[in-house]
Every structure is written in C-alpha cells, then in structure tokens.
Amino acid sequence: MARHAGSGSGSAGPPDAETVRLDARVYGMVQGVGFRYWTMGKAEELGLTGEVRNLNDGSVALVAEGPKWKVHELREWLNSGGTPGRVERVEDALSPAEGNYRGFSAR
C-alpha cells in the first residue's frame, strides 16, 4: 500500500467510467469516534459499495468500489482532516473492482 498525498482532482473533473477498488488502512484516533459511520455515509453519498471495519490494532480497514473519480473523492476525503477523530495517515492501494459488494456496510 502506498501513502496517498492527495491529487486535488475532487469531483470537478469529468466522470471516469473505469470501476476500481480502494483498499485503505486508516491510522490515528479513528475508533470510538464515529469514523466508520461517517465513512459509510460518505461512501453511500458517492454511490460506492464496500465495507469499513475496526481492526484490533486500533486502525480502520476500508474497501470501496465504484467509478474511479468517486473512489478518488472518497480517498481525498479520508485525507482531508474533515473526518471524525484524528487521521494520522492513510495507506491505500487501487486495483480493478471485484464486484463482491452490494451496498456499503460498517462492521
């Protein structure tokens, strides 16, 4: 996984029809602060599928699939400082979507 520094593309660019998968690990004070549910709400707002869950080490794991430009918007939001809690770093990787999810869930 590579650290995402933010590309600044947002949703201002033309929609990209390519469907991708984002696997992300979010570190910081992200458990017990509503982070998963805010993330689920943002993903649903963007029409993405996937899941977000707490891990034993205190981090949060996220899988999101959808149009590339919408996945990038979620990725930028994770790094924006506008999330609940305090995100110290995000490690993420993009790959082709697998299509294994219906909707978005918090576990």
PDB file of N, CA and C in Angstrom:
ATOM      1  N   MET A   1       0.829  -1.180   0.000  1.00  0.00           N
ATOM      2  CA  MET A   1       0.000   0.000   0.000  1.00  0.00           C
ATOM      3  C   MET A   1       0.873   1.243   0.000  1.00  0.00           C
ATOM      4  N   ALA A   2       0.432   2.241  -0.699  1.00  0.00           N
ATOM      5  CA  ALA A   2       1.184   3.490  -0.781  1.00  0.00           C
ATOM      6  C   ALA A   2       0.445   4.580  -0.033  1.00  0.00           C
ATOM      7  N   ARG A   3       1.172   5.506   0.497  1.00  0.00           N
ATOM      8  CA  ARG A   3       0.554   6.641   1.175  1.00  0.00           C
ATOM      9  C   ARG A   3       0.022   7.596   0.122  1.00  0.00           C
ATOM     10  N   HIS A   4      -1.210   8.036   0.321  1.00  0.00           N
ATOM     11  CA  HIS A   4      -1.854   8.951  -0.628  1.00  0.00           C
ATOM     12  C   HIS A   4      -1.633  10.379  -0.172  1.00  0.00           C
ATOM     13  N   ALA A   5      -1.102  11.178  -1.025  1.00  0.00           N
ATOM     14  CA  ALA A   5      -0.837  12.573  -0.686  1.00  0.00           C
ATOM     15  C   ALA A   5      -1.934  13.499  -1.186  1.00  0.00           C
ATOM     16  N   GLY A   6      -2.885  12.983  -1.952  1.00  0.00           N
ATOM     17  CA  GLY A   6      -3.972  13.818  -2.473  1.00  0.00           C
ATOM     18  C   GLY A   6      -3.605  14.402  -3.819  1.00  0.00           C
ATOM     19  N   SER A   7      -4.475  14.222  -4.784  1.00  0.00           N
ATOM     20  CA  SER A   7      -4.182  14.708  -6.123  1.00  0.00           C
ATOM     21  C   SER A   7      -4.892  16.007  -6.446  1.00  0.00           C
ATOM     22  N   GLY A   8      -5.871  16.376  -5.603  1.00  0.00           N
ATOM     23  CA  GLY A   8      -6.582  17.624  -5.838  1.00  0.00           C
ATOM     24  C   GLY A   8      -7.595  17.552  -6.959  1.00  0.00           C
ATOM     25  N   SER A   9      -7.914  16.352  -7.470  1.00  0.00           N
ATOM     26  CA  SER A   9      -8.835  16.262  -8.587  1.00  0.00           C
ATOM     27  C   SER A   9     -10.280  16.440  -8.166  1.00  0.00           C
ATOM     28  N   GLY A  10     -10.668  15.959  -6.974  1.00  0.00           N
ATOM     29  CA  GLY A  10     -12.030  16.121  -6.490  1.00  0.00           C
ATOM     30  C   GLY A  10     -13.044  15.609  -7.487  1.00  0.00           C
ATOM     31  N   SER A  11     -14.242  16.163  -7.466  1.00  0.00           N
ATOM     32  CA  SER A  11     -15.276  15.741  -8.395  1.00  0.00           C
ATOM     33  C   SER A  11     -15.440  16.740  -9.529  1.00  0.00           C
ATOM     34  N   ALA A  12     -14.513  17.678  -9.651  1.00  0.00           N
ATOM     35  CA  ALA A  12     -14.624  18.714 -10.667  1.00  0.00           C
ATOM     36  C   ALA A  12     -14.320  18.193 -12.065  1.00  0.00           C
ATOM     37  N   GLY A  13     -13.552  17.112 -12.168  1.00  0.00           N
ATOM     38  CA  GLY A  13     -13.177  16.573 -13.461  1.00  0.00           C
ATOM     39  C   GLY A  13     -14.293  15.753 -14.072  1.00  0.00           C
ATOM     40  N   PRO A  14     -14.147  15.366 -15.324  1.00  0.00           N
ATOM     41  CA  PRO A  14     -15.165  14.553 -15.976  1.00  0.00           C
ATOM     42  C   PRO A  14     -15.219  13.165 -15.348  1.00  0.00           C
ATOM     43  N   PRO A  15     -16.418  12.582 -15.233  1.00  0.00           N
ATOM     44  CA  PRO A  15     -16.533  11.246 -14.658  1.00  0.00           C
ATOM     45  C   PRO A  15     -15.711  10.233 -15.441  1.00  0.00           C
ATOM     46  N   ASP A  16     -15.059   9.350 -14.723  1.00  0.00           N
ATOM     47  CA  ASP A  16     -14.259   8.288 -15.316  1.00  0.00           C
ATOM     48  C   ASP A  16     -15.078   7.010 -15.219  1.00  0.00           C
ATOM     49  N   ALA A  17     -15.326   6.358 -16.346  1.00  0.00           N
ATOM     50  CA  ALA A  17     -16.165   5.170 -16.374  1.00  0.00           C
ATOM     51  C   ALA A  17     -15.479   3.948 -15.768  1.00  0.00           C
ATOM     52  N   GLU A  18     -14.167   3.979 -15.612  1.00  0.00           N
ATOM     53  CA  GLU A  18     -13.444   2.847 -15.052  1.00  0.00           C
ATOM     54  C   GLU A  18     -13.894   2.590 -13.616  1.00  0.00           C
ATOM     55  N   THR A  19     -14.186   1.319 -13.296  1.00  0.00           N
ATOM     56  CA  THR A  19     -14.589   0.939 -11.948  1.00  0.00           C
ATOM     57  C   THR A  19     -13.383   0.362 -11.229  1.00  0.00           C
ATOM     58  N   VAL A  20     -13.110   0.891 -10.029  1.00  0.00           N
ATOM     59  CA  VAL A  20     -11.916   0.494  -9.289  1.00  0.00           C
ATOM     60  C   VAL A  20     -12.263   0.114  -7.854  1.00  0.00           C
ATOM     61  N   ARG A  21     -11.282  -0.488  -7.200  1.00  0.00           N
ATOM     62  CA  ARG A  21     -11.382  -0.888  -5.798  1.00  0.00           C
ATOM     63  C   ARG A  21     -10.309  -0.143  -5.013  1.00  0.00           C
ATOM     64  N   LEU A  22     -10.714   0.438  -3.898  1.00  0.00           N
ATOM     65  CA  LEU A  22      -9.792   1.086  -2.974  1.00  0.00           C
ATOM     66  C   LEU A  22      -9.700   0.221  -1.729  1.00  0.00           C
ATOM     67  N   ASP A  23      -8.496  -0.232  -1.403  1.00  0.00           N
ATOM     68  CA  ASP A  23      -8.218  -0.900  -0.133  1.00  0.00           C
ATOM     69  C   ASP A  23      -7.413   0.092   0.681  1.00  0.00           C
ATOM     70  N   ALA A  24      -7.953   0.509   1.819  1.00  0.00           N
ATOM     71  CA  ALA A  24      -7.275   1.522   2.626  1.00  0.00           C
ATOM     72  C   ALA A  24      -7.200   1.087   4.079  1.00  0.00           C
ATOM     73  N   ARG A  25      -6.157   1.549   4.732  1.00  0.00           N
ATOM     74  CA  ARG A  25      -5.967   1.364   6.172  1.00  0.00           C
ATOM     75  C   ARG A  25      -5.762   2.751   6.744  1.00  0.00           C
ATOM     76  N   VAL A  26      -6.593   3.125   7.718  1.00  0.00           N
ATOM     77  CA  VAL A  26      -6.566   4.462   8.299  1.00  0.00           C
ATOM     78  C   VAL A  26      -6.053   4.355   9.729  1.00  0.00           C
ATOM     79  N   TYR A  27      -5.015   5.135  10.029  1.00  0.00           N
ATOM     80  CA  TYR A  27      -4.373   5.121  11.345  1.00  0.00           C
ATOM     81  C   TYR A  27      -4.607   6.438  12.060  1.00  0.00           C
ATOM     82  N   GLY A  28      -4.640   6.379  13.373  1.00  0.00           N
ATOM     83  CA  GLY A  28      -4.828   7.566  14.201  1.00  0.00           C
ATOM     84  C   GLY A  28      -5.884   7.280  15.249  1.00  0.00           C
ATOM     85  N   MET A  29      -6.543   8.321  15.724  1.00  0.00           N
ATOM     86  CA  MET A  29      -7.636   8.155  16.672  1.00  0.00           C
ATOM     87  C   MET A  29      -8.918   8.031  15.846  1.00  0.00           C
ATOM     88  N   VAL A  30      -9.181   6.812  15.370  1.00  0.00           N
ATOM     89  CA  VAL A  30     -10.281   6.587  14.438  1.00  0.00           C
ATOM     90  C   VAL A  30     -11.279   5.542  14.927  1.00  0.00           C
ATOM     91  N   GLN A  31     -11.099   5.041  16.134  1.00  0.00           N
ATOM     92  CA  GLN A  31     -12.073   4.113  16.705  1.00  0.00           C
ATOM     93  C   GLN A  31     -12.766   4.771  17.883  1.00  0.00           C
ATOM     94  N   GLY A  32     -14.069   4.505  18.021  1.00  0.00           N
ATOM     95  CA  GLY A  32     -14.842   5.063  19.118  1.00  0.00           C
ATOM     96  C   GLY A  32     -15.223   6.521  18.934  1.00  0.00           C
ATOM     97  N   VAL A  33     -15.100   7.030  17.712  1.00  0.00           N
ATOM     98  CA  VAL A  33     -15.394   8.444  17.438  1.00  0.00           C
ATOM     99  C   VAL A  33     -16.404   8.622  16.290  1.00  0.00           C
ATOM    100  N   GLY A  34     -17.029   7.538  15.842  1.00  0.00           N
ATOM    101  CA  GLY A  34     -17.993   7.615  14.749  1.00  0.00           C
ATOM    102  C   GLY A  34     -17.380   7.593  13.361  1.00  0.00           C
ATOM    103  N   PHE A  35     -16.083   7.303  13.280  1.00  0.00           N
ATOM    104  CA  PHE A  35     -15.379   7.336  11.992  1.00  0.00           C
ATOM    105  C   PHE A  35     -15.986   6.368  10.975  1.00  0.00           C
ATOM    106  N   ARG A  36     -16.272   5.130  11.398  1.00  0.00           N
ATOM    107  CA  ARG A  36     -16.815   4.144  10.451  1.00  0.00           C
ATOM    108  C   ARG A  36     -18.146   4.599   9.868  1.00  0.00           C
ATOM    109  N   TYR A  37     -19.015   5.148  10.717  1.00  0.00           N
ATOM    110  CA  TYR A  37     -20.344   5.535  10.249  1.00  0.00           C
ATOM    111  C   TYR A  37     -20.308   6.784   9.373  1.00  0.00           C
ATOM    112  N   TRP A  38     -19.427   7.718   9.668  1.00  0.00           N
ATOM    113  CA  TRP A  38     -19.238   8.878   8.790  1.00  0.00           C
ATOM    114  C   TRP A  38     -18.689   8.423   7.442  1.00  0.00           C
ATOM    115  N   THR A  39     -17.757   7.482   7.480  1.00  0.00           N
ATOM    116  CA  THR A  39     -17.170   6.964   6.243  1.00  0.00           C
ATOM    117  C   THR A  39     -18.225   6.235   5.429  1.00  0.00           C
ATOM    118  N   MET A  40     -19.050   5.419   6.090  1.00  0.00           N
ATOM    119  CA  MET A  40     -20.124   4.716   5.405  1.00  0.00           C
ATOM    120  C   MET A  40     -21.084   5.724   4.773  1.00  0.00           C
ATOM    121  N   GLY A  41     -21.427   6.783   5.496  1.00  0.00           N
ATOM    122  CA  GLY A  41     -22.318   7.811   4.955  1.00  0.00           C
ATOM    123  C   GLY A  41     -21.737   8.493   3.731  1.00  0.00           C
ATOM    124  N   LYS A  42     -20.442   8.807   3.777  1.00  0.00           N
ATOM    125  CA  LYS A  42     -19.783   9.449   2.631  1.00  0.00           C
ATOM    126  C   LYS A  42     -19.763   8.496   1.436  1.00  0.00           C
ATOM    127  N   ALA A  43     -19.437   7.220   1.688  1.00  0.00           N
ATOM    128  CA  ALA A  43     -19.402   6.228   0.608  1.00  0.00           C
ATOM    129  C   ALA A  43     -20.788   6.056  -0.014  1.00  0.00           C
ATOM    130  N   GLU A  44     -21.825   6.011   0.818  1.00  0.00           N
ATOM    131  CA  GLU A  44     -23.189   5.882   0.296  1.00  0.00           C
ATOM    132  C   GLU A  44     -23.588   7.117  -0.503  1.00  0.00           C
ATOM    133  N   GLU A  45     -23.204   8.289  -0.020  1.00  0.00           N
ATOM    134  CA  GLU A  45     -23.472   9.543  -0.733  1.00  0.00           C
ATOM    135  C   GLU A  45     -22.852   9.509  -2.132  1.00  0.00           C
ATOM    136  N   LEU A  46     -21.687   8.889  -2.244  1.00  0.00           N
ATOM    137  CA  LEU A  46     -20.985   8.785  -3.526  1.00  0.00           C
ATOM    138  C   LEU A  46     -21.465   7.602  -4.366  1.00  0.00           C
ATOM    139  N   GLY A  47     -22.328   6.749  -3.807  1.00  0.00           N
ATOM    140  CA  GLY A  47     -22.825   5.589  -4.537  1.00  0.00           C
ATOM    141  C   GLY A  47     -21.830   4.448  -4.620  1.00  0.00           C
ATOM    142  N   LEU A  48     -20.910   4.366  -3.655  1.00  0.00           N
ATOM    143  CA  LEU A  48     -19.896   3.312  -3.651  1.00  0.00           C
ATOM    144  C   LEU A  48     -20.394   2.092  -2.891  1.00  0.00           C
ATOM    145  N   THR A  49     -19.804   0.945  -3.178  1.00  0.00           N
ATOM    146  CA  THR A  49     -20.080  -0.275  -2.428  1.00  0.00           C
ATOM    147  C   THR A  49     -18.825  -0.667  -1.673  1.00  0.00           C
ATOM    148  N   GLY A  50     -18.992  -1.487  -0.627  1.00  0.00           N
ATOM    149  CA  GLY A  50     -17.838  -1.956   0.131  1.00  0.00           C
ATOM    150  C   GLY A  50     -18.133  -2.059   1.601  1.00  0.00           C
ATOM    151  N   GLU A  51     -17.083  -1.913   2.417  1.00  0.00           N
ATOM    152  CA  GLU A  51     -17.237  -2.017   3.862  1.00  0.00           C
ATOM    153  C   GLU A  51     -16.124  -1.270   4.576  1.00  0.00           C
ATOM    154  N   VAL A  52     -16.392  -0.949   5.841  1.00  0.00           N
ATOM    155  CA  VAL A  52     -15.404  -0.328   6.707  1.00  0.00           C
ATOM    156  C   VAL A  52     -15.496  -1.053   8.047  1.00  0.00           C
ATOM    157  N   ARG A  53     -14.334  -1.356   8.654  1.00  0.00           N
ATOM    158  CA  ARG A  53     -14.352  -2.097   9.921  1.00  0.00           C
ATOM    159  C   ARG A  53     -13.159  -1.742  10.786  1.00  0.00           C
ATOM    160  N   ASN A  54     -13.355  -1.869  12.098  1.00  0.00           N
ATOM    161  CA  ASN A  54     -12.277  -1.661  13.053  1.00  0.00           C
ATOM    162  C   ASN A  54     -11.352  -2.864  13.062  1.00  0.00           C
ATOM    163  N   LEU A  55     -10.068  -2.619  13.264  1.00  0.00           N
ATOM    164  CA  LEU A  55      -9.088  -3.692  13.408  1.00  0.00           C
ATOM    165  C   LEU A  55      -8.535  -3.675  14.832  1.00  0.00           C
ATOM    166  N   ASN A  56      -8.004  -4.817  15.265  1.00  0.00           N
ATOM    167  CA  ASN A  56      -7.506  -4.964  16.636  1.00  0.00           C
ATOM    168  C   ASN A  56      -6.384  -4.000  16.989  1.00  0.00           C
ATOM    169  N   ASP A  57      -5.632  -3.523  16.013  1.00  0.00           N
ATOM    170  CA  ASP A  57      -4.503  -2.628  16.308  1.00  0.00           C
ATOM    171  C   ASP A  57      -4.922  -1.160  16.456  1.00  0.00           C
ATOM    172  N   GLY A  58      -6.230  -0.884  16.407  1.00  0.00           N
ATOM    173  CA  GLY A  58      -6.716   0.485  16.557  1.00  0.00           C
ATOM    174  C   GLY A  58      -6.930   1.217  15.246  1.00  0.00           C
ATOM    175  N   SER A  59      -6.559   0.600  14.132  1.00  0.00           N
ATOM    176  CA  SER A  59      -6.769   1.221  12.823  1.00  0.00           C
ATOM    177  C   SER A  59      -8.134   0.812  12.273  1.00  0.00           C
ATOM    178  N   VAL A  60      -8.482   1.375  11.133  1.00  0.00           N
ATOM    179  CA  VAL A  60      -9.727   1.056  10.447  1.00  0.00           C
ATOM    180  C   VAL A  60      -9.381   0.611   9.033  1.00  0.00           C
ATOM    181  N   ALA A  61      -9.998  -0.492   8.596  1.00  0.00           N
ATOM    182  CA  ALA A  61      -9.812  -1.000   7.233  1.00  0.00           C
ATOM    183  C   ALA A  61     -11.032  -0.621   6.404  1.00  0.00           C
ATOM    184  N   LEU A  62     -10.775  -0.264   5.162  1.00  0.00           N
ATOM    185  CA  LEU A  62     -11.832   0.194   4.269  1.00  0.00           C
ATOM    186  C   LEU A  62     -11.648  -0.440   2.901  1.00  0.00           C
ATOM    187  N   VAL A  63     -12.752  -0.926   2.331  1.00  0.00           N
ATOM    188  CA  VAL A  63     -12.787  -1.363   0.943  1.00  0.00           C
ATOM    189  C   VAL A  63     -13.929  -0.603   0.294  1.00  0.00           C
ATOM    190  N   ALA A  64     -13.657   0.062  -0.813  1.00  0.00           N
ATOM    191  CA  ALA A  64     -14.698   0.795  -1.536  1.00  0.00           C
ATOM    192  C   ALA A  64     -14.528   0.543  -3.027  1.00  0.00           C
ATOM    193  N   GLU A  65     -15.649   0.286  -3.701  1.00  0.00           N
ATOM    194  CA  GLU A  65     -15.627   0.066  -5.145  1.00  0.00           C
ATOM    195  C   GLU A  65     -16.633   0.978  -5.829  1.00  0.00           C
ATOM    196  N   GLY A  66     -16.257   1.433  -7.012  1.00  0.00           N
ATOM    197  CA  GLY A  66     -17.142   2.275  -7.800  1.00  0.00           C
ATOM    198  C   GLY A  66     -16.364   2.983  -8.887  1.00  0.00           C
ATOM    199  N   PRO A  67     -16.996   3.970  -9.536  1.00  0.00           N
ATOM    200  CA  PRO A  67     -16.302   4.734 -10.573  1.00  0.00           C
ATOM    201  C   PRO A  67     -15.040   5.378 -10.007  1.00  0.00           C
ATOM    202  N   LYS A  68     -13.996   5.373 -10.809  1.00  0.00           N
ATOM    203  CA  LYS A  68     -12.689   5.850 -10.344  1.00  0.00           C
ATOM    204  C   LYS A  68     -12.749   7.250  -9.749  1.00  0.00           C
ATOM    205  N   TRP A  69     -13.465   8.168 -10.381  1.00  0.00           N
ATOM    206  CA  TRP A  69     -13.495   9.547  -9.884  1.00  0.00           C
ATOM    207  C   TRP A  69     -14.179   9.646  -8.529  1.00  0.00           C
ATOM    208  N   LYS A  70     -15.198   8.780  -8.281  1.00  0.00           N
ATOM    209  CA  LYS A  70     -15.871   8.787  -6.981  1.00  0.00           C
ATOM    210  C   LYS A  70     -14.993   8.157  -5.905  1.00  0.00           C
ATOM    211  N   VAL A  71     -14.270   7.115  -6.259  1.00  0.00           N
ATOM    212  CA  VAL A  71     -13.334   6.493  -5.315  1.00  0.00           C
ATOM    213  C   VAL A  71     -12.246   7.496  -4.942  1.00  0.00           C
ATOM    214  N   HIS A  72     -11.762   8.247  -5.919  1.00  0.00           N
ATOM    215  CA  HIS A  72     -10.750   9.280  -5.633  1.00  0.00           C
ATOM    216  C   HIS A  72     -11.313  10.364  -4.708  1.00  0.00           C
ATOM    217  N   GLU A  73     -12.584  10.691  -4.871  1.00  0.00           N
ATOM    218  CA  GLU A  73     -13.200  11.685  -3.986  1.00  0.00           C
ATOM    219  C   GLU A  73     -13.230  11.172  -2.544  1.00  0.00           C
ATOM    220  N   LEU A  74     -13.573   9.903  -2.349  1.00  0.00           N
ATOM    221  CA  LEU A  74     -13.551   9.314  -1.009  1.00  0.00           C
ATOM    222  C   LEU A  74     -12.129   9.303  -0.456  1.00  0.00           C
ATOM    223  N   ARG A  75     -11.196   8.950  -1.292  1.00  0.00           N
ATOM    224  CA  ARG A  75      -9.777   8.908  -0.903  1.00  0.00           C
ATOM    225  C   ARG A  75      -9.306  10.288  -0.427  1.00  0.00           C
ATOM    226  N   GLU A  76      -9.673  11.317  -1.149  1.00  0.00           N
ATOM    227  CA  GLU A  76      -9.302  12.681  -0.762  1.00  0.00           C
ATOM    228  C   GLU A  76      -9.975  13.080   0.545  1.00  0.00           C
ATOM    229  N   TRP A  77     -11.237  12.689   0.718  1.00  0.00           N
ATOM    230  CA  TRP A  77     -11.957  12.998   1.951  1.00  0.00           C
ATOM    231  C   TRP A  77     -11.267  12.349   3.156  1.00  0.00           C
ATOM    232  N   LEU A  78     -10.798  11.112   2.999  1.00  0.00           N
ATOM    233  CA  LEU A  78     -10.098  10.427   4.093  1.00  0.00           C
ATOM    234  C   LEU A  78      -8.861  11.201   4.534  1.00  0.00           C
ATOM    235  N   ASN A  79      -8.232  11.890   3.616  1.00  0.00           N
ATOM    236  CA  ASN A  79      -7.006  12.642   3.894  1.00  0.00           C
ATOM    237  C   ASN A  79      -7.247  14.125   4.191  1.00  0.00           C
ATOM    238  N   SER A  80      -8.505  14.557   4.204  1.00  0.00           N
ATOM    239  CA  SER A  80      -8.816  15.990   4.261  1.00  0.00           C
ATOM    240  C   SER A  80      -8.785  16.615   5.645  1.00  0.00           C
ATOM    241  N   GLY A  81      -8.863  15.813   6.683  1.00  0.00           N
ATOM    242  CA  GLY A  81      -8.992  16.370   8.025  1.00  0.00           C
ATOM    243  C   GLY A  81     -10.439  16.646   8.392  1.00  0.00           C
ATOM    244  N   GLY A  82     -11.368  16.378   7.484  1.00  0.00           N
ATOM    245  CA  GLY A  82     -12.786  16.604   7.745  1.00  0.00           C
ATOM    246  C   GLY A  82     -13.507  15.386   8.285  1.00  0.00           C
ATOM    247  N   THR A  83     -12.771  14.391   8.731  1.00  0.00           N
ATOM    248  CA  THR A  83     -13.353  13.163   9.259  1.00  0.00           C
ATOM    249  C   THR A  83     -13.450  13.236  10.777  1.00  0.00           C
ATOM    250  N   PRO A  84     -14.320  12.424  11.391  1.00  0.00           N
ATOM    251  CA  PRO A  84     -14.345  12.354  12.854  1.00  0.00           C
ATOM    252  C   PRO A  84     -13.031  11.786  13.383  1.00  0.00           C
ATOM    253  N   GLY A  85     -12.697  12.142  14.602  1.00  0.00           N
ATOM    254  CA  GLY A  85     -11.452  11.647  15.190  1.00  0.00           C
ATOM    255  C   GLY A  85     -10.262  12.400  14.638  1.00  0.00           C
ATOM    256  N   ARG A  86      -9.142  11.704  14.578  1.00  0.00           N
ATOM    257  CA  ARG A  86      -7.913  12.321  14.058  1.00  0.00           C
ATOM    258  C   ARG A  86      -7.183  11.299  13.192  1.00  0.00           C
ATOM    259  N   VAL A  87      -7.131  11.538  11.906  1.00  0.00           N
ATOM    260  CA  VAL A  87      -6.422  10.658  10.978  1.00  0.00           C
ATOM    261  C   VAL A  87      -4.961  11.078  10.951  1.00  0.00           C
ATOM    262  N   GLU A  88      -4.076  10.145  11.304  1.00  0.00           N
ATOM    263  CA  GLU A  88      -2.637  10.421  11.250  1.00  0.00           C
ATOM    264  C   GLU A  88      -2.054  10.065   9.896  1.00  0.00           C
ATOM    265  N   ARG A  89      -2.532   8.961   9.335  1.00  0.00           N
ATOM    266  CA  ARG A  89      -2.068   8.592   7.996  1.00  0.00           C
ATOM    267  C   ARG A  89      -3.030   7.589   7.379  1.00  0.00           C
ATOM    268  N   VAL A  90      -3.019   7.552   6.058  1.00  0.00           N
ATOM    269  CA  VAL A  90      -3.824   6.613   5.290  1.00  0.00           C
ATOM    270  C   VAL A  90      -2.891   5.886   4.341  1.00  0.00           C
ATOM    271  N   GLU A  91      -2.914   4.575   4.398  1.00  0.00           N
ATOM    272  CA  GLU A  91      -2.192   3.757   3.415  1.00  0.00           C
ATOM    273  C   GLU A  91      -3.254   3.146   2.520  1.00  0.00           C
ATOM    274  N   ASP A  92      -3.078   3.262   1.216  1.00  0.00           N
ATOM    275  CA  ASP A  92      -4.106   2.731   0.330  1.00  0.00           C
ATOM    276  C   ASP A  92      -3.529   2.219  -0.975  1.00  0.00           C
ATOM    277  N   ALA A  93      -4.346   1.442  -1.657  1.00  0.00           N
ATOM    278  CA  ALA A  93      -3.972   0.886  -2.958  1.00  0.00           C
ATOM    279  C   ALA A  93      -5.226   0.793  -3.818  1.00  0.00           C
ATOM    280  N   LEU A  94      -5.074   1.067  -5.103  1.00  0.00           N
ATOM    281  CA  LEU A  94      -6.161   0.921  -6.066  1.00  0.00           C
ATOM    282  C   LEU A  94      -5.920  -0.316  -6.912  1.00  0.00           C
ATOM    283  N   SER A  95      -7.004  -0.998  -7.255  1.00  0.00           N
ATOM    284  CA  SER A  95      -6.937  -2.166  -8.126  1.00  0.00           C
ATOM    285  C   SER A  95      -8.269  -2.257  -8.870  1.00  0.00           C
ATOM    286  N   PRO A  96      -8.379  -3.158  -9.839  1.00  0.00           N
ATOM    287  CA  PRO A  96      -9.665  -3.315 -10.521  1.00  0.00           C
ATOM    288  C   PRO A  96     -10.741  -3.770  -9.527  1.00  0.00           C
ATOM    289  N   ALA A  97     -11.957  -3.286  -9.704  1.00  0.00           N
ATOM    290  CA  ALA A  97     -13.068  -3.682  -8.830  1.00  0.00           C
ATOM    291  C   ALA A  97     -13.341  -5.173  -8.986  1.00  0.00           C
ATOM    292  N   GLU A  98     -13.740  -5.807  -7.884  1.00  0.00           N
ATOM    293  CA  GLU A  98     -14.061  -7.234  -7.895  1.00  0.00           C
ATOM    294  C   GLU A  98     -15.565  -7.480  -7.942  1.00  0.00           C
ATOM    295  N   GLY A  99     -16.366  -6.481  -7.570  1.00  0.00           N
ATOM    296  CA  GLY A  99     -17.823  -6.613  -7.631  1.00  0.00           C
ATOM    297  C   GLY A  99     -18.423  -7.526  -6.579  1.00  0.00           C
ATOM    298  N   ASN A 100     -17.771  -7.662  -5.424  1.00  0.00           N
ATOM    299  CA  ASN A 100     -18.242  -8.577  -4.384  1.00  0.00           C
ATOM    300  C   ASN A 100     -19.200  -7.945  -3.386  1.00  0.00           C
ATOM    301  N   TYR A 101     -19.509  -6.674  -3.519  1.00  0.00           N
ATOM    302  CA  TYR A 101     -20.323  -5.980  -2.516  1.00  0.00           C
ATOM    303  C   TYR A 101     -21.628  -5.476  -3.103  1.00  0.00           C
ATOM    304  N   ARG A 102     -22.661  -5.484  -2.261  1.00  0.00           N
ATOM    305  CA  ARG A 102     -23.945  -4.839  -2.559  1.00  0.00           C
ATOM    306  C   ARG A 102     -24.141  -3.828  -1.452  1.00  0.00           C
ATOM    307  N   GLY A 103     -24.129  -2.578  -1.787  1.00  0.00           N
ATOM    308  CA  GLY A 103     -24.252  -1.551  -0.764  1.00  0.00           C
ATOM    309  C   GLY A 103     -22.951  -1.344  -0.015  1.00  0.00           C
ATOM    310  N   PHE A 104     -23.030  -0.583   1.069  1.00  0.00           N
ATOM    311  CA  PHE A 104     -21.850  -0.285   1.876  1.00  0.00           C
ATOM    312  C   PHE A 104     -22.200  -0.551   3.325  1.00  0.00           C
ATOM    313  N   SER A 105     -21.304  -1.230   4.055  1.00  0.00           N
ATOM    314  CA  SER A 105     -21.598  -1.584   5.445  1.00  0.00           C
ATOM    315  C   SER A 105     -20.458  -1.208   6.376  1.00  0.00           C
ATOM    316  N   ALA A 106     -20.832  -0.995   7.644  1.00  0.00           N
ATOM    317  CA  ALA A 106     -19.859  -0.788   8.716  1.00  0.00           C
ATOM    318  C   ALA A 106     -19.928  -2.027   9.597  1.00  0.00           C
ATOM    319  N   ARG A 107     -18.763  -2.604   9.859  1.00  0.00           N
ATOM    320  CA  ARG A 107     -18.724  -3.825  10.688  1.00  0.00           C
ATOM    321  C   ARG A 107     -17.953  -3.574  11.941  1.00  0.00           C
TER     322      ARG A 107
END
